[in-house]
Protein backbone atom coordinates (compact mmCIF):
# COMPACT_ATOMS: atom_id res chain seq x y z
CA MET A 1 -11.89 11.79 12.61
CA ASN A 2 -11.99 9.80 15.79
CA LEU A 3 -7.81 9.52 15.83
CA SER A 4 -8.26 6.81 18.91
CA GLU A 5 -10.77 5.01 17.01
CA LEU A 6 -8.62 4.54 14.31
CA ARG A 7 -5.23 3.96 16.21
CA ALA A 8 -7.47 1.07 18.07
CA GLU A 9 -8.26 -0.69 14.82
CA LEU A 10 -5.18 -0.77 13.25
CA GLU A 11 -3.76 -2.05 16.89
CA ALA A 12 -6.63 -4.79 17.46
CA ASP A 13 -6.04 -5.82 13.78
CA ARG A 14 -2.37 -6.51 14.25
CA ALA A 15 -2.89 -7.98 17.36
CA TRP A 16 -4.89 -11.30 16.58
CA ARG A 17 -2.60 -11.69 13.27
CA GLU A 18 0.08 -12.08 15.79
CA GLU A 19 -2.02 -13.49 18.96
CA GLU A 20 -3.04 -16.15 16.10
CA ILE A 21 0.72 -16.87 14.57
CA ARG A 22 1.89 -16.92 18.30
CA ARG A 23 -0.83 -19.82 19.63
CA PHE A 24 -0.04 -22.05 16.09
CA GLN A 25 3.86 -21.81 16.82
CA ASN A 26 2.96 -22.62 20.48
CA GLN A 27 0.44 -26.07 19.28
CA GLY A 28 3.28 -27.15 17.04
CA THR A 29 6.14 -27.17 19.53
CA GLN A 30 3.66 -29.11 22.57
CA LEU A 31 2.57 -31.14 20.26
CA LEU A 32 5.20 -32.51 18.27
CA ASN A 33 8.69 -33.85 18.45
CA PRO A 34 11.19 -31.60 16.73
CA ALA A 35 12.42 -33.42 14.13
CA ASP A 36 8.63 -32.89 12.68
CA LEU A 37 8.65 -29.25 13.44
CA ASP A 38 10.75 -27.76 10.41
CA LEU A 39 7.66 -29.36 8.17
CA TYR A 40 5.20 -27.68 10.65
CA ARG A 41 6.90 -24.67 10.52
CA ARG A 42 5.76 -24.32 6.59
CA LEU A 43 2.46 -24.06 7.73
CA LEU A 44 3.40 -21.29 9.87
CA VAL A 45 5.24 -19.61 6.55
CA LEU A 46 2.15 -19.38 5.13
CA ILE A 47 0.35 -18.29 7.79
CA LEU A 48 2.90 -15.65 8.67
CA TYR A 49 2.77 -13.93 4.92
CA ALA A 50 -1.38 -14.00 4.66
CA HIS A 51 -0.98 -11.79 7.86
CA TYR A 52 2.32 -9.82 6.70
CA GLU A 53 0.15 -9.03 3.51
CA GLY A 54 -3.59 -9.16 4.92
CA PHE A 55 -2.43 -6.17 7.84
CA CYS A 56 -0.67 -4.12 5.03
CA LYS A 57 -4.20 -4.72 3.16
CA PHE A 58 -6.10 -3.68 5.88
CA ALA A 59 -4.00 -0.98 6.90
CA PHE A 60 -3.75 0.89 3.96
CA THR A 61 -7.37 0.23 2.98
CA LEU A 62 -8.19 2.11 6.75
CA TYR A 63 -6.07 4.77 5.71
CA ILE A 64 -7.96 5.26 2.01
CA GLY A 65 -11.41 5.54 3.85
CA ALA A 66 -10.18 7.79 6.61
CA ILE A 67 -9.28 10.21 3.70
CA ASN A 68 -12.18 9.45 2.23
CA ARG A 69 -14.42 10.56 5.13
CA GLU A 70 -12.93 13.64 5.20
CA SER A 71 -14.89 15.03 1.65
CA LEU A 72 -11.53 17.06 1.07
CA GLN A 73 -11.41 18.67 -2.22
CA VAL A 74 -8.35 17.65 -4.60
CA ALA A 75 -7.03 20.98 -4.62
CA GLU A 76 -6.85 20.57 -0.52
CA VAL A 77 -4.92 16.90 -0.64
CA SER A 78 -1.08 16.62 -0.90
CA HIS A 79 0.45 15.84 -4.18
CA ALA A 80 0.10 12.02 -3.53
CA ILE A 81 -3.44 11.79 -2.49
CA ALA A 82 -4.47 14.26 -5.70
CA ALA A 83 -2.82 11.91 -7.99
CA ILE A 84 -4.07 8.86 -6.71
CA ALA A 85 -7.57 10.27 -6.67
CA MET A 86 -7.43 11.57 -10.00
CA SER A 87 -5.57 7.95 -11.85
CA ASP A 88 -8.63 7.62 -13.94
CA ILE A 89 -7.98 11.18 -15.24
CA LEU A 90 -4.21 10.69 -15.32
CA LYS A 91 -4.46 7.55 -17.17
CA ALA A 92 -6.71 8.87 -19.80
CA LEU A 93 -4.58 12.17 -20.13
CA ALA A 94 -1.58 9.70 -21.01
CA ASN A 95 -3.49 7.09 -22.76
CA PRO A 96 -2.37 7.74 -26.72
CA ASP A 97 -5.57 6.31 -27.55
CA SER A 98 -7.62 8.26 -25.93
CA LYS A 99 -9.23 11.23 -27.95
CA ALA A 100 -10.20 14.85 -26.83
CA ASP A 101 -14.09 15.51 -27.13
CA GLU A 102 -13.54 17.83 -30.10
CA PHE A 103 -11.97 15.07 -31.78
CA ARG A 104 -13.95 11.69 -30.32
CA ASN A 105 -16.28 11.69 -33.43
CA VAL A 106 -13.47 12.85 -36.04
CA LEU A 107 -10.90 10.78 -38.01
CA LEU A 108 -7.30 12.43 -37.14
CA ASP A 109 -4.92 10.22 -36.49
CA ASP A 110 -2.04 12.77 -35.70
CA PRO A 111 -0.71 11.53 -32.19
CA LYS A 112 0.91 14.64 -31.36
CA VAL A 113 -2.20 17.12 -32.14
CA ASN A 114 -4.15 14.35 -30.02
CA LYS A 115 -1.71 14.49 -27.55
CA PHE A 116 -1.71 18.49 -27.63
CA ALA A 117 -5.69 18.48 -27.63
CA ARG A 118 -5.84 15.90 -24.81
CA GLN A 119 -3.68 18.43 -22.57
CA ARG A 120 -5.38 21.69 -23.73
CA GLU A 121 -8.91 19.83 -22.33
CA PHE A 122 -7.37 18.64 -19.22
CA LEU A 123 -5.82 22.00 -18.37
CA ARG A 124 -9.70 23.80 -19.28
CA ARG A 125 -11.37 21.60 -16.82
CA LEU A 126 -8.36 21.91 -14.02
CA ASP A 127 -10.48 23.67 -11.71
CA THR A 128 -13.24 21.63 -11.85
CA TYR A 129 -11.10 18.32 -11.22
CA ARG A 130 -9.59 20.35 -8.22
CA ALA A 131 -13.09 21.33 -6.55
CA GLN A 132 -14.09 17.44 -7.10
CA THR A 133 -14.09 15.54 -3.49
CA VAL A 134 -11.42 12.78 -2.96
CA SER A 135 -13.06 9.82 -3.35
CA ILE A 136 -10.20 7.18 -3.18
CA PRO A 137 -11.53 3.45 -4.49
CA ASP A 138 -10.59 0.73 -1.87
CA ASP A 139 -8.67 -1.29 -4.94
CA ALA A 140 -6.08 1.82 -5.53
CA ILE A 141 -3.31 -0.26 -3.82
CA ASP A 142 -2.57 -3.10 -5.97
CA PHE A 143 -0.69 -5.36 -4.75
CA GLU A 144 -0.05 -7.48 -7.82
CA SER A 145 -0.76 -11.04 -6.32
CA ASN A 146 2.97 -10.69 -4.60
CA LEU A 147 3.60 -8.06 -1.70
CA LYS A 148 7.22 -7.97 -2.71
CA PRO A 149 9.42 -5.32 -1.27
CA VAL A 150 8.80 -3.11 -4.74
CA VAL A 151 5.34 -3.60 -4.38
CA LEU A 152 5.25 -2.68 -1.01
CA ARG A 153 7.67 0.79 -1.64
CA LYS A 154 5.13 1.53 -4.76
CA SER A 155 2.21 1.16 -2.05
CA LEU A 156 3.34 3.61 0.60
CA TYR A 157 4.90 6.38 -2.08
CA GLN A 158 1.41 6.03 -3.93
CA ILE A 159 -0.05 7.08 -0.40
CA GLY A 160 2.44 9.39 0.55
CA LEU A 161 3.87 7.95 3.14
CA ARG A 162 7.86 7.37 3.17
CA HIS A 163 9.09 3.88 1.22
CA ASP A 164 12.41 3.10 1.72
CA GLN A 165 12.24 2.26 5.77
CA PHE A 166 12.44 -1.29 5.02
CA LYS A 167 15.71 -0.88 2.57
CA SER A 168 17.45 -3.07 5.82
CA ILE A 169 14.81 -6.60 5.91
CA GLU A 170 13.84 -6.27 1.93
CA GLY A 171 16.27 -9.82 1.85
CA GLU A 172 13.83 -11.47 4.52
CA ILE A 173 10.84 -9.87 2.60
CA THR A 174 12.17 -11.38 -0.02
CA GLN A 175 12.63 -14.95 1.33
CA LEU A 176 9.20 -14.75 3.28
CA LEU A 177 7.41 -14.55 -0.35
CA LYS A 178 10.00 -16.97 -1.95
CA SER A 179 9.43 -19.34 0.69
CA ARG A 180 5.91 -19.10 1.12
CA ASN A 181 5.33 -19.57 -2.73
CA ASP A 182 7.70 -22.43 -3.26
CA ILE A 183 5.56 -24.34 -0.77
CA ALA A 184 1.96 -23.37 -1.31
CA HIS A 185 2.86 -24.08 -5.73
CA GLY A 186 4.94 -27.21 -4.42
CA SER A 187 8.08 -26.57 -5.60
CA THR A 188 9.79 -27.23 -2.61
CA LYS A 189 8.92 -30.10 0.06
CA ALA A 190 11.87 -29.21 2.64
CA GLY A 191 11.02 -28.06 6.21
CA ILE A 192 11.69 -24.44 7.37
CA ASP A 193 14.78 -24.53 10.13
CA GLY A 194 13.92 -22.63 13.44
CA LYS A 195 16.24 -19.70 12.94
CA THR A 196 15.23 -18.99 9.44
CA TYR A 197 11.57 -19.04 10.63
CA SER A 198 12.64 -16.55 13.41
CA ARG A 199 14.32 -14.40 11.28
CA LEU A 200 11.03 -14.38 8.85
CA ARG A 201 8.50 -14.12 12.07
CA GLN A 202 10.68 -10.94 12.70
CA CYS A 203 10.43 -9.23 9.65
CA ALA A 204 6.74 -9.74 9.35
CA PHE A 205 5.98 -8.78 12.66
CA LYS A 206 8.44 -5.49 12.16
CA VAL A 207 6.49 -4.48 8.35
CA MET A 208 3.13 -4.75 10.68
CA ALA A 209 4.62 -2.46 13.46
CA VAL A 210 6.18 0.66 11.01
CA VAL A 211 3.27 0.43 9.12
CA LEU A 212 1.09 0.97 12.09
CA SER A 213 3.07 3.54 13.58
CA GLN A 214 3.74 5.60 10.34
CA ILE A 215 -0.49 5.53 9.44
CA SER A 216 -0.83 6.53 12.55
CA GLN A 217 1.87 9.25 12.68
CA ALA A 218 0.31 10.38 9.09
CA LEU A 219 -3.65 10.10 10.72
CA ALA A 220 -2.04 12.39 13.05
CA SER A 221 -0.50 14.55 11.73
CA GLU A 222 -2.78 14.52 8.88
CA ASP A 223 0.19 14.14 6.06
CA PHE A 224 -3.06 13.71 3.34
CA ARG A 225 -3.70 17.91 3.86
CA LYS A 226 -1.80 19.78 1.37
CA ARG A 227 1.01 21.81 2.75
CA GLU A 228 1.14 25.66 2.20
CA PRO A 229 4.05 27.23 1.09
CA ILE A 230 6.70 28.60 3.46
CA PRO A 231 6.05 32.65 2.53
CA LEU A 232 10.07 33.38 1.29
CA PRO A 233 10.98 36.77 3.33
CA ALA A 234 10.54 39.99 1.42
CA SER A 235 13.41 41.58 -0.24
CA THR A 236 15.24 43.98 1.08
């Protein structure tokens, strides 16, 4: 794993996004009179949200790709990464309509027996599952069409990263999403004042900066690997 290259990719992606936002801001300031700027900022909010979501998607995909390239076994990764790598298997285990192999062609309507059989089969194959190479699909993180605060928290949690660092700006994230949806769906024709826009821009830039920093740190510390438990001191 080349940490400097991965960090450079993250930095470059964030840099061009922030530069594009600033360029459009400057163009509006130079070309428009103050009375039209509020309406122009409607377009900027759409761009802000696109880059906020786009960078998070890029960063999470880069992190997942870096983990996949390590070719680690499920037994070697953290519980979060093991869970997302085995998501299909775990979904089948929890699916009440799924049957164990021995009952697949047998009419058995007892849900408790079916559940027990699936659990037994899972445990029987556990060593095989643990030996599998981690291969997380790119679409394992689902932004559910809107990257609202709860979805951002869930996405961070799914890949084993801190998910509580945006509590102080969740209101701004929600406002950014709502403003974007209202504008895109035609629910409002109102402009965006300079103070509101500055707050939303600061919010989007902070999310990108923190996500970049956290993923860079996770890669450097190899947080995706399973940590060996600290042995307890011997009793005397």
